[in-house]
Each structure stands twice: as C-alpha cells, then as structure tokens.
PDB file of N, CA and C in Angstrom:
ATOM      1  N   MET A   1      30.030   2.585  18.195  1.00  0.00           N
ATOM      2  CA  MET A   1      29.263   1.574  17.475  1.00  0.00           C
ATOM      3  C   MET A   1      27.973   1.252  18.217  1.00  0.00           C
ATOM      4  N   ILE A   2      28.073   1.043  19.513  1.00  0.00           N
ATOM      5  CA  ILE A   2      26.897   0.720  20.321  1.00  0.00           C
ATOM      6  C   ILE A   2      25.941   1.913  20.344  1.00  0.00           C
ATOM      7  N   LYS A   3      26.493   3.138  20.427  1.00  0.00           N
ATOM      8  CA  LYS A   3      25.645   4.328  20.457  1.00  0.00           C
ATOM      9  C   LYS A   3      24.819   4.439  19.173  1.00  0.00           C
ATOM     10  N   ILE A   4      25.450   4.205  18.051  1.00  0.00           N
ATOM     11  CA  ILE A   4      24.759   4.289  16.771  1.00  0.00           C
ATOM     12  C   ILE A   4      23.677   3.220  16.679  1.00  0.00           C
ATOM     13  N   PHE A   5      23.990   2.019  17.124  1.00  0.00           N
ATOM     14  CA  PHE A   5      23.021   0.927  17.104  1.00  0.00           C
ATOM     15  C   PHE A   5      21.815   1.257  17.983  1.00  0.00           C
ATOM     16  N   LEU A   6      22.061   1.712  19.194  1.00  0.00           N
ATOM     17  CA  LEU A   6      20.963   2.053  20.104  1.00  0.00           C
ATOM     18  C   LEU A   6      20.139   3.224  19.576  1.00  0.00           C
ATOM     19  N   LEU A   7      20.798   4.196  18.980  1.00  0.00           N
ATOM     20  CA  LEU A   7      20.084   5.325  18.388  1.00  0.00           C
ATOM     21  C   LEU A   7      19.201   4.853  17.227  1.00  0.00           C
ATOM     22  N   SER A   8      19.723   3.952  16.426  1.00  0.00           N
ATOM     23  CA  SER A   8      18.945   3.399  15.306  1.00  0.00           C
ATOM     24  C   SER A   8      17.733   2.635  15.809  1.00  0.00           C
ATOM     25  N   VAL A   9      17.909   1.814  16.813  1.00  0.00           N
ATOM     26  CA  VAL A   9      16.799   1.051  17.388  1.00  0.00           C
ATOM     27  C   VAL A   9      15.758   2.005  17.968  1.00  0.00           C
ATOM     28  N   LEU A  10      16.198   3.070  18.628  1.00  0.00           N
ATOM     29  CA  LEU A  10      15.278   4.051  19.196  1.00  0.00           C
ATOM     30  C   LEU A  10      14.472   4.752  18.102  1.00  0.00           C
ATOM     31  N   ILE A  11      15.128   5.149  17.042  1.00  0.00           N
ATOM     32  CA  ILE A  11      14.440   5.819  15.937  1.00  0.00           C
ATOM     33  C   ILE A  11      13.412   4.886  15.293  1.00  0.00           C
ATOM     34  N   ILE A  12      13.788   3.640  15.090  1.00  0.00           N
ATOM     35  CA  ILE A  12      12.859   2.664  14.507  1.00  0.00           C
ATOM     36  C   ILE A  12      11.678   2.417  15.438  1.00  0.00           C
ATOM     37  N   ALA A  13      11.917   2.319  16.733  1.00  0.00           N
ATOM     38  CA  ALA A  13      10.844   2.098  17.705  1.00  0.00           C
ATOM     39  C   ALA A  13       9.877   3.281  17.718  1.00  0.00           C
ATOM     40  N   ILE A  14      10.392   4.495  17.655  1.00  0.00           N
ATOM     41  CA  ILE A  14       9.539   5.681  17.625  1.00  0.00           C
ATOM     42  C   ILE A  14       8.701   5.694  16.349  1.00  0.00           C
ATOM     43  N   ALA A  15       9.309   5.363  15.220  1.00  0.00           N
ATOM     44  CA  ALA A  15       8.592   5.336  13.951  1.00  0.00           C
ATOM     45  C   ALA A  15       7.456   4.313  13.985  1.00  0.00           C
ATOM     46  N   ILE A  16       7.729   3.136  14.508  1.00  0.00           N
ATOM     47  CA  ILE A  16       6.696   2.096  14.594  1.00  0.00           C
ATOM     48  C   ILE A  16       5.571   2.538  15.523  1.00  0.00           C
ATOM     49  N   ALA A  17       5.928   3.165  16.648  1.00  0.00           N
ATOM     50  CA  ALA A  17       4.909   3.645  17.582  1.00  0.00           C
ATOM     51  C   ALA A  17       4.029   4.702  16.933  1.00  0.00           C
ATOM     52  N   LEU A  18       4.622   5.619  16.199  1.00  0.00           N
ATOM     53  CA  LEU A  18       3.841   6.663  15.545  1.00  0.00           C
ATOM     54  C   LEU A  18       2.952   6.101  14.437  1.00  0.00           C
ATOM     55  N   LEU A  19       3.439   5.114  13.709  1.00  0.00           N
ATOM     56  CA  LEU A  19       2.646   4.511  12.650  1.00  0.00           C
ATOM     57  C   LEU A  19       1.479   3.677  13.183  1.00  0.00           C
ATOM     58  N   SER A  20       1.599   3.198  14.405  1.00  0.00           N
ATOM     59  CA  SER A  20       0.568   2.310  14.943  1.00  0.00           C
ATOM     60  C   SER A  20      -0.392   3.005  15.904  1.00  0.00           C
ATOM     61  N   ILE A  21      -0.323   4.325  16.024  1.00  0.00           N
ATOM     62  CA  ILE A  21      -1.203   5.043  16.946  1.00  0.00           C
ATOM     63  C   ILE A  21      -2.671   4.758  16.637  1.00  0.00           C
ATOM     64  N   ARG A  22      -3.044   4.809  15.381  1.00  0.00           N
ATOM     65  CA  ARG A  22      -4.440   4.573  14.988  1.00  0.00           C
ATOM     66  C   ARG A  22      -4.894   3.168  15.389  1.00  0.00           C
ATOM     67  N   VAL A  23      -4.055   2.192  15.211  1.00  0.00           N
ATOM     68  CA  VAL A  23      -4.415   0.811  15.526  1.00  0.00           C
ATOM     69  C   VAL A  23      -4.541   0.620  17.033  1.00  0.00           C
ATOM     70  N   ILE A  24      -3.664   1.256  17.777  1.00  0.00           N
ATOM     71  CA  ILE A  24      -3.647   1.076  19.228  1.00  0.00           C
ATOM     72  C   ILE A  24      -4.787   1.829  19.915  1.00  0.00           C
ATOM     73  N   LEU A  25      -5.037   3.068  19.504  1.00  0.00           N
ATOM     74  CA  LEU A  25      -5.980   3.917  20.230  1.00  0.00           C
ATOM     75  C   LEU A  25      -7.444   3.704  19.851  1.00  0.00           C
ATOM     76  N   LEU A  26      -7.736   3.323  18.634  1.00  0.00           N
ATOM     77  CA  LEU A  26      -9.125   3.138  18.230  1.00  0.00           C
ATOM     78  C   LEU A  26      -9.590   1.714  18.495  1.00  0.00           C
ATOM     79  N   LYS A  27     -10.827   1.606  18.957  1.00  0.00           N
ATOM     80  CA  LYS A  27     -11.390   0.282  19.147  1.00  0.00           C
ATOM     81  C   LYS A  27     -11.581  -0.337  17.770  1.00  0.00           C
ATOM     82  N   ASN A  28     -11.126  -1.537  17.585  1.00  0.00           N
ATOM     83  CA  ASN A  28     -11.129  -2.229  16.290  1.00  0.00           C
ATOM     84  C   ASN A  28     -10.402  -1.414  15.225  1.00  0.00           C
ATOM     85  N   GLY A  29      -9.366  -0.713  15.631  1.00  0.00           N
ATOM     86  CA  GLY A  29      -8.601   0.110  14.699  1.00  0.00           C
ATOM     87  C   GLY A  29      -7.852  -0.744  13.686  1.00  0.00           C
ATOM     88  N   THR A  30      -7.750  -0.225  12.483  1.00  0.00           N
ATOM     89  CA  THR A  30      -7.019  -0.919  11.425  1.00  0.00           C
ATOM     90  C   THR A  30      -6.178   0.097  10.667  1.00  0.00           C
ATOM     91  N   MET A  31      -5.218  -0.407   9.944  1.00  0.00           N
ATOM     92  CA  MET A  31      -4.413   0.445   9.082  1.00  0.00           C
ATOM     93  C   MET A  31      -5.224   0.734   7.824  1.00  0.00           C
ATOM     94  N   LYS A  32      -5.138   1.967   7.337  1.00  0.00           N
ATOM     95  CA  LYS A  32      -5.828   2.305   6.099  1.00  0.00           C
ATOM     96  C   LYS A  32      -5.096   1.672   4.929  1.00  0.00           C
ATOM     97  N   SER A  33      -5.856   1.287   3.948  1.00  0.00           N
ATOM     98  CA  SER A  33      -5.271   0.703   2.752  1.00  0.00           C
ATOM     99  C   SER A  33      -4.523   1.774   1.968  1.00  0.00           C
ATOM    100  N   GLN A  34      -3.351   1.439   1.483  1.00  0.00           N
ATOM    101  CA  GLN A  34      -2.550   2.372   0.699  1.00  0.00           C
ATOM    102  C   GLN A  34      -2.633   2.065  -0.787  1.00  0.00           C
ATOM    103  N   HIS A  35      -3.488   1.129  -1.152  1.00  0.00           N
ATOM    104  CA  HIS A  35      -3.600   0.734  -2.551  1.00  0.00           C
ATOM    105  C   HIS A  35      -4.400   1.769  -3.329  1.00  0.00           C
ATOM    106  N   ILE A  36      -4.053   1.973  -4.560  1.00  0.00           N
ATOM    107  CA  ILE A  36      -4.696   2.969  -5.414  1.00  0.00           C
ATOM    108  C   ILE A  36      -6.187   2.716  -5.555  1.00  0.00           C
ATOM    109  N   LYS A  37      -6.588   1.453  -5.654  1.00  0.00           N
ATOM    110  CA  LYS A  37      -8.000   1.148  -5.874  1.00  0.00           C
ATOM    111  C   LYS A  37      -8.885   1.544  -4.692  1.00  0.00           C
ATOM    112  N   ASP A  38      -8.308   1.753  -3.518  1.00  0.00           N
ATOM    113  CA  ASP A  38      -9.077   2.119  -2.330  1.00  0.00           C
ATOM    114  C   ASP A  38      -9.079   3.614  -2.056  1.00  0.00           C
ATOM    115  N   ASN A  39      -8.481   4.415  -2.930  1.00  0.00           N
ATOM    116  CA  ASN A  39      -8.378   5.847  -2.737  1.00  0.00           C
ATOM    117  C   ASN A  39      -9.507   6.552  -3.495  1.00  0.00           C
ATOM    118  N   ALA A  40     -10.447   7.160  -2.752  1.00  0.00           N
ATOM    119  CA  ALA A  40     -11.622   7.786  -3.360  1.00  0.00           C
ATOM    120  C   ALA A  40     -11.231   8.964  -4.253  1.00  0.00           C
ATOM    121  N   TYR A  41     -10.233   9.740  -3.856  1.00  0.00           N
ATOM    122  CA  TYR A  41      -9.823  10.893  -4.652  1.00  0.00           C
ATOM    123  C   TYR A  41      -9.300  10.445  -6.019  1.00  0.00           C
ATOM    124  N   LEU A  42      -8.467   9.423  -6.023  1.00  0.00           N
ATOM    125  CA  LEU A  42      -7.934   8.946  -7.297  1.00  0.00           C
ATOM    126  C   LEU A  42      -9.031   8.342  -8.163  1.00  0.00           C
ATOM    127  N   LYS A  43      -9.992   7.665  -7.535  1.00  0.00           N
ATOM    128  CA  LYS A  43     -11.135   7.128  -8.292  1.00  0.00           C
ATOM    129  C   LYS A  43     -11.910   8.246  -8.970  1.00  0.00           C
ATOM    130  N   SER A  44     -12.107   9.352  -8.233  1.00  0.00           N
ATOM    131  CA  SER A  44     -12.868  10.466  -8.805  1.00  0.00           C
ATOM    132  C   SER A  44     -12.135  11.107  -9.979  1.00  0.00           C
ATOM    133  N   LYS A  45     -10.822  10.991 -10.011  1.00  0.00           N
ATOM    134  CA  LYS A  45     -10.015  11.523 -11.112  1.00  0.00           C
ATOM    135  C   LYS A  45      -9.855  10.527 -12.255  1.00  0.00           C
ATOM    136  N   GLY A  46     -10.381   9.316 -12.069  1.00  0.00           N
ATOM    137  CA  GLY A  46     -10.294   8.297 -13.114  1.00  0.00           C
ATOM    138  C   GLY A  46      -8.965   7.554 -13.124  1.00  0.00           C
ATOM    139  N   ILE A  47      -8.226   7.645 -12.041  1.00  0.00           N
ATOM    140  CA  ILE A  47      -6.934   6.961 -11.937  1.00  0.00           C
ATOM    141  C   ILE A  47      -7.154   5.660 -11.191  1.00  0.00           C
ATOM    142  N   HIS A  48      -6.660   4.559 -11.741  1.00  0.00           N
ATOM    143  CA  HIS A  48      -6.785   3.286 -11.045  1.00  0.00           C
ATOM    144  C   HIS A  48      -5.526   2.447 -11.246  1.00  0.00           C
ATOM    145  N   CYS A  49      -5.547   1.298 -10.656  1.00  0.00           N
ATOM    146  CA  CYS A  49      -4.384   0.407 -10.596  1.00  0.00           C
ATOM    147  C   CYS A  49      -3.867   0.050 -11.986  1.00  0.00           C
ATOM    148  N   VAL A  50      -2.559  -0.027 -12.119  1.00  0.00           N
ATOM    149  CA  VAL A  50      -1.949  -0.356 -13.407  1.00  0.00           C
ATOM    150  C   VAL A  50      -2.344  -1.758 -13.870  1.00  0.00           C
ATOM    151  N   ILE A  51      -2.590  -2.645 -12.948  1.00  0.00           N
ATOM    152  CA  ILE A  51      -3.010  -3.997 -13.320  1.00  0.00           C
ATOM    153  C   ILE A  51      -4.392  -3.943 -13.967  1.00  0.00           C
ATOM    154  N   ASP A  52      -5.296  -3.127 -13.392  1.00  0.00           N
ATOM    155  CA  ASP A  52      -6.624  -2.963 -13.981  1.00  0.00           C
ATOM    156  C   ASP A  52      -6.540  -2.277 -15.338  1.00  0.00           C
ATOM    157  N   GLN A  53      -5.665  -1.276 -15.440  1.00  0.00           N
ATOM    158  CA  GLN A  53      -5.485  -0.582 -16.718  1.00  0.00           C
ATOM    159  C   GLN A  53      -4.974  -1.540 -17.780  1.00  0.00           C
ATOM    160  N   ASP A  54      -4.036  -2.382 -17.404  1.00  0.00           N
ATOM    161  CA  ASP A  54      -3.489  -3.363 -18.346  1.00  0.00           C
ATOM    162  C   ASP A  54      -4.577  -4.336 -18.787  1.00  0.00           C
ATOM    163  N   ARG A  55      -5.386  -4.788 -17.837  1.00  0.00           N
ATOM    164  CA  ARG A  55      -6.476  -5.715 -18.148  1.00  0.00           C
ATOM    165  C   ARG A  55      -7.472  -5.073 -19.112  1.00  0.00           C
ATOM    166  N   GLU A  56      -7.780  -3.786 -18.887  1.00  0.00           N
ATOM    167  CA  GLU A  56      -8.698  -3.081 -19.781  1.00  0.00           C
ATOM    168  C   GLU A  56      -8.123  -2.958 -21.185  1.00  0.00           C
ATOM    169  N   GLU A  57      -6.845  -2.628 -21.280  1.00  0.00           N
ATOM    170  CA  GLU A  57      -6.204  -2.473 -22.583  1.00  0.00           C
ATOM    171  C   GLU A  57      -6.162  -3.789 -23.352  1.00  0.00           C
ATOM    172  N   ARG A  58      -5.947  -4.870 -22.639  1.00  0.00           N
ATOM    173  CA  ARG A  58      -5.871  -6.168 -23.283  1.00  0.00           C
ATOM    174  C   ARG A  58      -7.250  -6.733 -23.590  1.00  0.00           C
ATOM    175  N   GLY A  59      -8.268  -6.179 -22.913  1.00  0.00           N
ATOM    176  CA  GLY A  59      -9.622  -6.653 -23.146  1.00  0.00           C
ATOM    177  C   GLY A  59      -9.915  -7.963 -22.453  1.00  0.00           C
ATOM    178  N   SER A  60      -9.097  -8.330 -21.507  1.00  0.00           N
ATOM    179  CA  SER A  60      -9.261  -9.591 -20.792  1.00  0.00           C
ATOM    180  C   SER A  60      -9.972  -9.335 -19.473  1.00  0.00           C
ATOM    181  N   GLY A  61     -11.113  -9.949 -19.274  1.00  0.00           N
ATOM    182  CA  GLY A  61     -11.854  -9.771 -18.041  1.00  0.00           C
ATOM    183  C   GLY A  61     -11.622 -10.882 -17.041  1.00  0.00           C
ATOM    184  N   ASP A  62     -10.798 -11.865 -17.380  1.00  0.00           N
ATOM    185  CA  ASP A  62     -10.609 -13.009 -16.495  1.00  0.00           C
ATOM    186  C   ASP A  62      -9.518 -12.782 -15.453  1.00  0.00           C
ATOM    187  N   GLY A  63      -8.785 -11.679 -15.522  1.00  0.00           N
ATOM    188  CA  GLY A  63      -7.748 -11.389 -14.538  1.00  0.00           C
ATOM    189  C   GLY A  63      -6.426 -12.043 -14.814  1.00  0.00           C
ATOM    190  N   LEU A  64      -6.323 -12.808 -15.901  1.00  0.00           N
ATOM    191  CA  LEU A  64      -5.081 -13.475 -16.243  1.00  0.00           C
ATOM    192  C   LEU A  64      -4.341 -12.676 -17.312  1.00  0.00           C
ATOM    193  N   ALA A  65      -3.050 -12.644 -17.195  1.00  0.00           N
ATOM    194  CA  ALA A  65      -2.240 -11.943 -18.201  1.00  0.00           C
ATOM    195  C   ALA A  65      -2.237 -12.748 -19.494  1.00  0.00           C
ATOM    196  N   ALA A  66      -2.001 -12.056 -20.576  1.00  0.00           N
ATOM    197  CA  ALA A  66      -1.914 -12.727 -21.868  1.00  0.00           C
ATOM    198  C   ALA A  66      -0.723 -13.673 -21.880  1.00  0.00           C
ATOM    199  N   PRO A  67      -0.786 -14.771 -22.637  1.00  0.00           N
ATOM    200  CA  PRO A  67       0.308 -15.755 -22.644  1.00  0.00           C
ATOM    201  C   PRO A  67       1.648 -15.153 -23.079  1.00  0.00           C
ATOM    202  N   ASP A  68       1.613 -14.109 -23.900  1.00  0.00           N
ATOM    203  CA  ASP A  68       2.873 -13.533 -24.366  1.00  0.00           C
ATOM    204  C   ASP A  68       3.369 -12.409 -23.457  1.00  0.00           C
ATOM    205  N   ALA A  69       2.729 -12.211 -22.298  1.00  0.00           N
ATOM    206  CA  ALA A  69       3.150 -11.140 -21.393  1.00  0.00           C
ATOM    207  C   ALA A  69       4.529 -11.453 -20.805  1.00  0.00           C
ATOM    208  N   VAL A  70       5.335 -10.430 -20.694  1.00  0.00           N
ATOM    209  CA  VAL A  70       6.680 -10.577 -20.120  1.00  0.00           C
ATOM    210  C   VAL A  70       6.641 -10.045 -18.706  1.00  0.00           C
ATOM    211  N   CYS A  71       7.095 -10.842 -17.753  1.00  0.00           N
ATOM    212  CA  CYS A  71       7.095 -10.415 -16.356  1.00  0.00           C
ATOM    213  C   CYS A  71       8.377  -9.746 -15.974  1.00  0.00           C
TER     214      CYS A  71
END
C-alpha cells in the first residue's frame, strides 16, 4: 500500500515538474493558453469557441444567453 502511494506521488511530482519547465526556466515564463480562441491555427481554419458560435447563431452581441437557454 505504501509502495503504491509513494509511486503515485512520484509520478505526479514528475508530471508537475515536466509541465512547469517553461515557467521555471524562462524569465517571466507563463503557461500557454489552451483555449480555442488563442490558437492561431484554429483561427486560420475558421474554428472558434462554441460560446462565440452560439452567440453568432443567436445574433446576440451582448454576451448574454437568451432567456430560454437551457444550461
């Protein structure tokens, strides 16, 4: 039981270290945004966030969902 727990903690620690290399090594390093709206390739293909697509379809520019929208 202890071996499995320690192995799990080690694997998680390694994963966190690998994910944070960019933040640690670069001066003023930051994590890249994973949101669709920040991806240049998807923008060039005309793909954007589902929330923006929904807003376009509804014709609402105020950013609010329609009153009859179901969450």
